[in-house]
PDB file of N, CA and C in Angstrom:
ATOM      1  N   MET A   1       0.805  -1.192   0.000  1.00  0.00           N
ATOM      2  CA  MET A   1       0.000   0.000   0.000  1.00  0.00           C
ATOM      3  C   MET A   1       0.852   1.261   0.000  1.00  0.00           C
ATOM      4  N   ALA A   2       2.036   1.173   0.533  1.00  0.00           N
ATOM      5  CA  ALA A   2       2.879   2.358   0.611  1.00  0.00           C
ATOM      6  C   ALA A   2       3.204   2.876  -0.779  1.00  0.00           C
ATOM      7  N   SER A   3       3.442   1.984  -1.735  1.00  0.00           N
ATOM      8  CA  SER A   3       3.771   2.421  -3.087  1.00  0.00           C
ATOM      9  C   SER A   3       2.567   3.082  -3.748  1.00  0.00           C
ATOM     10  N   SER A   4       1.365   2.589  -3.454  1.00  0.00           N
ATOM     11  CA  SER A   4       0.153   3.189  -4.015  1.00  0.00           C
ATOM     12  C   SER A   4      -0.011   4.618  -3.511  1.00  0.00           C
ATOM     13  N   SER A   5       0.227   4.813  -2.227  1.00  0.00           N
ATOM     14  CA  SER A   5       0.134   6.155  -1.656  1.00  0.00           C
ATOM     15  C   SER A   5       1.197   7.066  -2.256  1.00  0.00           C
ATOM     16  N   LYS A   6       2.398   6.524  -2.439  1.00  0.00           N
ATOM     17  CA  LYS A   6       3.491   7.288  -3.042  1.00  0.00           C
ATOM     18  C   LYS A   6       3.122   7.676  -4.469  1.00  0.00           C
ATOM     19  N   GLY A   7       2.527   6.734  -5.207  1.00  0.00           N
ATOM     20  CA  GLY A   7       2.099   7.004  -6.582  1.00  0.00           C
ATOM     21  C   GLY A   7       1.032   8.084  -6.636  1.00  0.00           C
ATOM     22  N   GLU A   8       0.095   8.020  -5.695  1.00  0.00           N
ATOM     23  CA  GLU A   8      -0.956   9.037  -5.633  1.00  0.00           C
ATOM     24  C   GLU A   8      -0.355  10.402  -5.303  1.00  0.00           C
ATOM     25  N   ASP A   9       0.628  10.410  -4.382  1.00  0.00           N
ATOM     26  CA  ASP A   9       1.299  11.662  -4.043  1.00  0.00           C
ATOM     27  C   ASP A   9       2.027  12.235  -5.250  1.00  0.00           C
ATOM     28  N   ASP A  10       2.671  11.361  -6.021  1.00  0.00           N
ATOM     29  CA  ASP A  10       3.372  11.799  -7.234  1.00  0.00           C
ATOM     30  C   ASP A  10       2.394  12.416  -8.232  1.00  0.00           C
ATOM     31  N   HIS A  11       1.230  11.793  -8.372  1.00  0.00           N
ATOM     32  CA  HIS A  11       0.222  12.316  -9.287  1.00  0.00           C
ATOM     33  C   HIS A  11      -0.293  13.674  -8.805  1.00  0.00           C
ATOM     34  N   ALA A  12      -0.473  13.800  -7.520  1.00  0.00           N
ATOM     35  CA  ALA A  12      -0.948  15.074  -6.969  1.00  0.00           C
ATOM     36  C   ALA A  12       0.082  16.178  -7.220  1.00  0.00           C
ATOM     37  N   VAL A  13       1.350  15.861  -7.014  1.00  0.00           N
ATOM     38  CA  VAL A  13       2.415  16.832  -7.268  1.00  0.00           C
ATOM     39  C   VAL A  13       2.452  17.191  -8.750  1.00  0.00           C
ATOM     40  N   ALA A  14       2.326  16.185  -9.600  1.00  0.00           N
ATOM     41  CA  ALA A  14       2.338  16.431 -11.048  1.00  0.00           C
ATOM     42  C   ALA A  14       1.174  17.332 -11.448  1.00  0.00           C
ATOM     43  N   ARG A  15      -0.013  17.085 -10.895  1.00  0.00           N
ATOM     44  CA  ARG A  15      -1.177  17.928 -11.206  1.00  0.00           C
ATOM     45  C   ARG A  15      -0.947  19.363 -10.754  1.00  0.00           C
ATOM     46  N   LYS A  16      -0.317  19.542  -9.598  1.00  0.00           N
ATOM     47  CA  LYS A  16      -0.028  20.898  -9.109  1.00  0.00           C
ATOM     48  C   LYS A  16       0.967  21.603 -10.022  1.00  0.00           C
ATOM     49  N   ILE A  17       1.977  20.875 -10.472  1.00  0.00           N
ATOM     50  CA  ILE A  17       2.978  21.459 -11.372  1.00  0.00           C
ATOM     51  C   ILE A  17       2.327  21.855 -12.697  1.00  0.00           C
ATOM     52  N   ILE A  18       1.494  20.983 -13.225  1.00  0.00           N
ATOM     53  CA  ILE A  18       0.803  21.275 -14.487  1.00  0.00           C
ATOM     54  C   ILE A  18      -0.122  22.485 -14.314  1.00  0.00           C
ATOM     55  N   ALA A  19      -0.850  22.527 -13.224  1.00  0.00           N
ATOM     56  CA  ALA A  19      -1.758  23.647 -12.975  1.00  0.00           C
ATOM     57  C   ALA A  19      -0.981  24.955 -12.870  1.00  0.00           C
ATOM     58  N   ALA A  20       0.159  24.932 -12.198  1.00  0.00           N
ATOM     59  CA  ALA A  20       0.983  26.132 -12.072  1.00  0.00           C
ATOM     60  C   ALA A  20       1.513  26.574 -13.435  1.00  0.00           C
ATOM     61  N   ALA A  21       1.929  25.607 -14.244  1.00  0.00           N
ATOM     62  CA  ALA A  21       2.434  25.923 -15.584  1.00  0.00           C
ATOM     63  C   ALA A  21       1.323  26.515 -16.448  1.00  0.00           C
ATOM     64  N   GLU A  22       0.115  25.969 -16.329  1.00  0.00           N
ATOM     65  CA  GLU A  22      -1.013  26.506 -17.096  1.00  0.00           C
ATOM     66  C   GLU A  22      -1.340  27.931 -16.651  1.00  0.00           C
ATOM     67  N   ARG A  23      -1.327  28.176 -15.349  1.00  0.00           N
ATOM     68  CA  ARG A  23      -1.597  29.533 -14.851  1.00  0.00           C
ATOM     69  C   ARG A  23      -0.563  30.514 -15.380  1.00  0.00           C
ATOM     70  N   LYS A  24       0.705  30.093 -15.356  1.00  0.00           N
ATOM     71  CA  LYS A  24       1.782  30.955 -15.858  1.00  0.00           C
ATOM     72  C   LYS A  24       1.594  31.226 -17.347  1.00  0.00           C
ATOM     73  N   HIS A  25       1.284  30.181 -18.113  1.00  0.00           N
ATOM     74  CA  HIS A  25       1.074  30.325 -19.552  1.00  0.00           C
ATOM     75  C   HIS A  25      -0.077  31.297 -19.829  1.00  0.00           C
ATOM     76  N   PHE A  26      -1.207  31.111 -19.138  1.00  0.00           N
ATOM     77  CA  PHE A  26      -2.359  31.974 -19.376  1.00  0.00           C
ATOM     78  C   PHE A  26      -2.066  33.409 -18.951  1.00  0.00           C
ATOM     79  N   ALA A  27      -1.294  33.593 -17.890  1.00  0.00           N
ATOM     80  CA  ALA A  27      -0.917  34.940 -17.458  1.00  0.00           C
ATOM     81  C   ALA A  27      -0.036  35.601 -18.514  1.00  0.00           C
ATOM     82  N   GLN A  28       0.891  34.839 -19.092  1.00  0.00           N
ATOM     83  CA  GLN A  28       1.748  35.384 -20.151  1.00  0.00           C
ATOM     84  C   GLN A  28       0.918  35.759 -21.372  1.00  0.00           C
ATOM     85  N   GLU A  29      -0.027  34.905 -21.736  1.00  0.00           N
ATOM     86  CA  GLU A  29      -0.891  35.202 -22.886  1.00  0.00           C
ATOM     87  C   GLU A  29      -1.743  36.437 -22.610  1.00  0.00           C
ATOM     88  N   ARG A  30      -2.255  36.562 -21.388  1.00  0.00           N
ATOM     89  CA  ARG A  30      -3.068  37.730 -21.021  1.00  0.00           C
ATOM     90  C   ARG A  30      -2.215  38.992 -21.093  1.00  0.00           C
ATOM     91  N   ASN A  31      -0.965  38.910 -20.628  1.00  0.00           N
ATOM     92  CA  ASN A  31      -0.073  40.067 -20.700  1.00  0.00           C
ATOM     93  C   ASN A  31       0.204  40.458 -22.143  1.00  0.00           C
ATOM     94  N   LYS A  32       0.425  39.464 -23.001  1.00  0.00           N
ATOM     95  CA  LYS A  32       0.648  39.744 -24.423  1.00  0.00           C
ATOM     96  C   LYS A  32      -0.569  40.443 -25.018  1.00  0.00           C
ATOM     97  N   THR A  33      -1.746  39.914 -24.695  1.00  0.00           N
ATOM     98  CA  THR A  33      -2.980  40.488 -25.231  1.00  0.00           C
ATOM     99  C   THR A  33      -3.159  41.919 -24.738  1.00  0.00           C
ATOM    100  N   GLU A  34      -2.888  42.155 -23.462  1.00  0.00           N
ATOM    101  CA  GLU A  34      -3.031  43.507 -22.915  1.00  0.00           C
ATOM    102  C   GLU A  34      -2.059  44.466 -23.583  1.00  0.00           C
ATOM    103  N   ARG A  35      -0.830  44.006 -23.857  1.00  0.00           N
ATOM    104  CA  ARG A  35       0.143  44.867 -24.548  1.00  0.00           C
ATOM    105  C   ARG A  35      -0.306  45.162 -25.963  1.00  0.00           C
ATOM    106  N   ILE A  36      -0.835  44.152 -26.651  1.00  0.00           N
ATOM    107  CA  ILE A  36      -1.311  44.354 -28.022  1.00  0.00           C
ATOM    108  C   ILE A  36      -2.458  45.357 -28.028  1.00  0.00           C
ATOM    109  N   VAL A  37      -3.381  45.226 -27.091  1.00  0.00           N
ATOM    110  CA  VAL A  37      -4.513  46.156 -27.007  1.00  0.00           C
ATOM    111  C   VAL A  37      -4.013  47.567 -26.729  1.00  0.00           C
ATOM    112  N   ALA A  38      -3.061  47.712 -25.823  1.00  0.00           N
ATOM    113  CA  ALA A  38      -2.527  49.034 -25.499  1.00  0.00           C
ATOM    114  C   ALA A  38      -1.840  49.655 -26.712  1.00  0.00           C
ATOM    115  N   ILE A  39      -1.053  48.873 -27.426  1.00  0.00           N
ATOM    116  CA  ILE A  39      -0.361  49.373 -28.619  1.00  0.00           C
ATOM    117  C   ILE A  39      -1.380  49.747 -29.694  1.00  0.00           C
ATOM    118  N   THR A  40      -2.391  48.906 -29.875  1.00  0.00           N
ATOM    119  CA  THR A  40      -3.429  49.180 -30.877  1.00  0.00           C
ATOM    120  C   THR A  40      -4.173  50.463 -30.537  1.00  0.00           C
ATOM    121  N   ASN A  41      -4.548  50.626 -29.273  1.00  0.00           N
ATOM    122  CA  ASN A  41      -5.247  51.847 -28.862  1.00  0.00           C
ATOM    123  C   ASN A  41      -4.370  53.073 -29.082  1.00  0.00           C
ATOM    124  N   PHE A  42      -3.109  52.970 -28.743  1.00  0.00           N
ATOM    125  CA  PHE A  42      -2.171  54.084 -28.931  1.00  0.00           C
ATOM    126  C   PHE A  42      -2.051  54.423 -30.415  1.00  0.00           C
ATOM    127  N   THR A  43      -1.882  53.384 -31.236  1.00  0.00           N
ATOM    128  CA  THR A  43      -1.743  53.585 -32.678  1.00  0.00           C
ATOM    129  C   THR A  43      -3.007  54.198 -33.271  1.00  0.00           C
ATOM    130  N   ASN A  44      -4.166  53.700 -32.862  1.00  0.00           N
ATOM    131  CA  ASN A  44      -5.426  54.256 -33.356  1.00  0.00           C
ATOM    132  C   ASN A  44      -5.561  55.718 -32.959  1.00  0.00           C
ATOM    133  N   GLY A  45      -5.133  56.039 -31.754  1.00  0.00           N
ATOM    134  CA  GLY A  45      -5.168  57.438 -31.314  1.00  0.00           C
ATOM    135  C   GLY A  45      -4.268  58.309 -32.166  1.00  0.00           C
ATOM    136  N   LEU A  46      -3.068  57.815 -32.454  1.00  0.00           N
ATOM    137  CA  LEU A  46      -2.149  58.565 -33.319  1.00  0.00           C
ATOM    138  C   LEU A  46      -2.734  58.724 -34.713  1.00  0.00           C
ATOM    139  N   ASN A  47      -3.296  57.643 -35.235  1.00  0.00           N
ATOM    140  CA  ASN A  47      -3.871  57.698 -36.575  1.00  0.00           C
ATOM    141  C   ASN A  47      -4.964  58.750 -36.660  1.00  0.00           C
ATOM    142  N   SER A  48      -5.818  58.813 -35.651  1.00  0.00           N
ATOM    143  CA  SER A  48      -6.904  59.787 -35.705  1.00  0.00           C
ATOM    144  C   SER A  48      -6.361  61.209 -35.557  1.00  0.00           C
ATOM    145  N   GLU A  49      -5.322  61.397 -34.748  1.00  0.00           N
ATOM    146  CA  GLU A  49      -4.743  62.722 -34.604  1.00  0.00           C
ATOM    147  C   GLU A  49      -4.009  63.167 -35.863  1.00  0.00           C
ATOM    148  N   ILE A  50      -3.414  62.216 -36.564  1.00  0.00           N
ATOM    149  CA  ILE A  50      -2.681  62.534 -37.788  1.00  0.00           C
ATOM    150  C   ILE A  50      -3.646  62.679 -38.963  1.00  0.00           C
ATOM    151  N   ALA A  51      -4.671  61.841 -39.015  1.00  0.00           N
ATOM    152  CA  ALA A  51      -5.580  61.824 -40.161  1.00  0.00           C
ATOM    153  C   ALA A  51      -6.313  63.147 -40.324  1.00  0.00           C
ATOM    154  N   THR A  52      -6.740  63.754 -39.237  1.00  0.00           N
ATOM    155  CA  THR A  52      -7.506  64.998 -39.342  1.00  0.00           C
ATOM    156  C   THR A  52      -6.677  66.111 -39.971  1.00  0.00           C
ATOM    157  N   PRO A  53      -5.473  66.401 -39.481  1.00  0.00           N
ATOM    158  CA  PRO A  53      -4.687  67.450 -40.135  1.00  0.00           C
ATOM    159  C   PRO A  53      -4.317  67.099 -41.577  1.00  0.00           C
ATOM    160  N   LEU A  54      -4.041  65.818 -41.850  1.00  0.00           N
ATOM    161  CA  LEU A  54      -3.701  65.424 -43.212  1.00  0.00           C
ATOM    162  C   LEU A  54      -4.898  65.616 -44.137  1.00  0.00           C
ATOM    163  N   HIS A  55      -6.073  65.282 -43.660  1.00  0.00           N
ATOM    164  CA  HIS A  55      -7.286  65.476 -44.451  1.00  0.00           C
ATOM    165  C   HIS A  55      -7.474  66.972 -44.742  1.00  0.00           C
ATOM    166  N   TYR A  56      -7.259  67.777 -43.747  1.00  0.00           N
ATOM    167  CA  TYR A  56      -7.378  69.231 -43.922  1.00  0.00           C
ATOM    168  C   TYR A  56      -6.364  69.727 -44.956  1.00  0.00           C
ATOM    169  N   LEU A  57      -5.107  69.286 -44.834  1.00  0.00           N
ATOM    170  CA  LEU A  57      -4.072  69.707 -45.793  1.00  0.00           C
ATOM    171  C   LEU A  57      -4.391  69.225 -47.199  1.00  0.00           C
ATOM    172  N   GLU A  58      -4.910  68.016 -47.293  1.00  0.00           N
ATOM    173  CA  GLU A  58      -5.267  67.483 -48.606  1.00  0.00           C
ATOM    174  C   GLU A  58      -6.347  68.346 -49.259  1.00  0.00           C
ATOM    175  N   ARG A  59      -7.337  68.754 -48.498  1.00  0.00           N
ATOM    176  CA  ARG A  59      -8.381  69.623 -49.054  1.00  0.00           C
ATOM    177  C   ARG A  59      -7.801  70.969 -49.474  1.00  0.00           C
ATOM    178  N   GLN A  60      -6.875  71.499 -48.664  1.00  0.00           N
ATOM    179  CA  GLN A  60      -6.261  72.785 -49.002  1.00  0.00           C
ATOM    180  C   GLN A  60      -5.448  72.679 -50.292  1.00  0.00           C
ATOM    181  N   LEU A  61      -4.715  71.561 -50.449  1.00  0.00           N
ATOM    182  CA  LEU A  61      -3.933  71.357 -51.672  1.00  0.00           C
ATOM    183  C   LEU A  61      -4.845  71.254 -52.891  1.00  0.00           C
ATOM    184  N   ARG A  62      -5.954  70.544 -52.745  1.00  0.00           N
ATOM    185  CA  ARG A  62      -6.897  70.443 -53.859  1.00  0.00           C
ATOM    186  C   ARG A  62      -7.433  71.826 -54.229  1.00  0.00           C
ATOM    187  N   PHE A  63      -7.739  72.595 -53.219  1.00  0.00           N
ATOM    188  CA  PHE A  63      -8.248  73.950 -53.458  1.00  0.00           C
ATOM    189  C   PHE A  63      -7.206  74.770 -54.211  1.00  0.00           C
ATOM    190  N   LEU A  64      -5.947  74.668 -53.783  1.00  0.00           N
ATOM    191  CA  LEU A  64      -4.878  75.413 -54.455  1.00  0.00           C
ATOM    192  C   LEU A  64      -4.667  74.918 -55.883  1.00  0.00           C
ATOM    193  N   GLU A  65      -4.735  73.604 -56.086  1.00  0.00           N
ATOM    194  CA  GLU A  65      -4.568  73.051 -57.428  1.00  0.00           C
ATOM    195  C   GLU A  65      -5.663  73.551 -58.359  1.00  0.00           C
ATOM    196  N   VAL A  66      -6.879  73.586 -57.859  1.00  0.00           N
ATOM    197  CA  VAL A  66      -7.995  74.069 -58.678  1.00  0.00           C
ATOM    198  C   VAL A  66      -7.788  75.547 -59.001  1.00  0.00           C
ATOM    199  N   GLY A  67      -7.311  76.316 -58.027  1.00  0.00           N
ATOM    200  CA  GLY A  67      -7.085  77.742 -58.237  1.00  0.00           C
ATOM    201  C   GLY A  67      -5.965  78.006 -59.219  1.00  0.00           C
ATOM    202  N   VAL A  68      -4.962  77.109 -59.272  1.00  0.00           N
ATOM    203  CA  VAL A  68      -3.804  77.306 -60.146  1.00  0.00           C
ATOM    204  C   VAL A  68      -4.164  76.985 -61.597  1.00  0.00           C
ATOM    205  N   ARG A  69      -5.066  76.043 -61.824  1.00  0.00           N
ATOM    206  CA  ARG A  69      -5.411  75.617 -63.192  1.00  0.00           C
ATOM    207  C   ARG A  69      -6.069  76.687 -63.962  1.00  0.00           C
TER     208      ARG A  69
END
């Protein structure tokens, strides 16, 4: 019976190790996802700040081109 108990203890330890590894993996994936979301939000913010002035300049250039013709 002692070996059976030892085997059960080994399985319990193995399950704990696997569970810890899974928690670590999921935490790393969550961190990656959070970084991607933060970068995407930052980039989208930059794009919107840049797009408005560029759109304005583009309209001004068109106006000037029409006036020059």
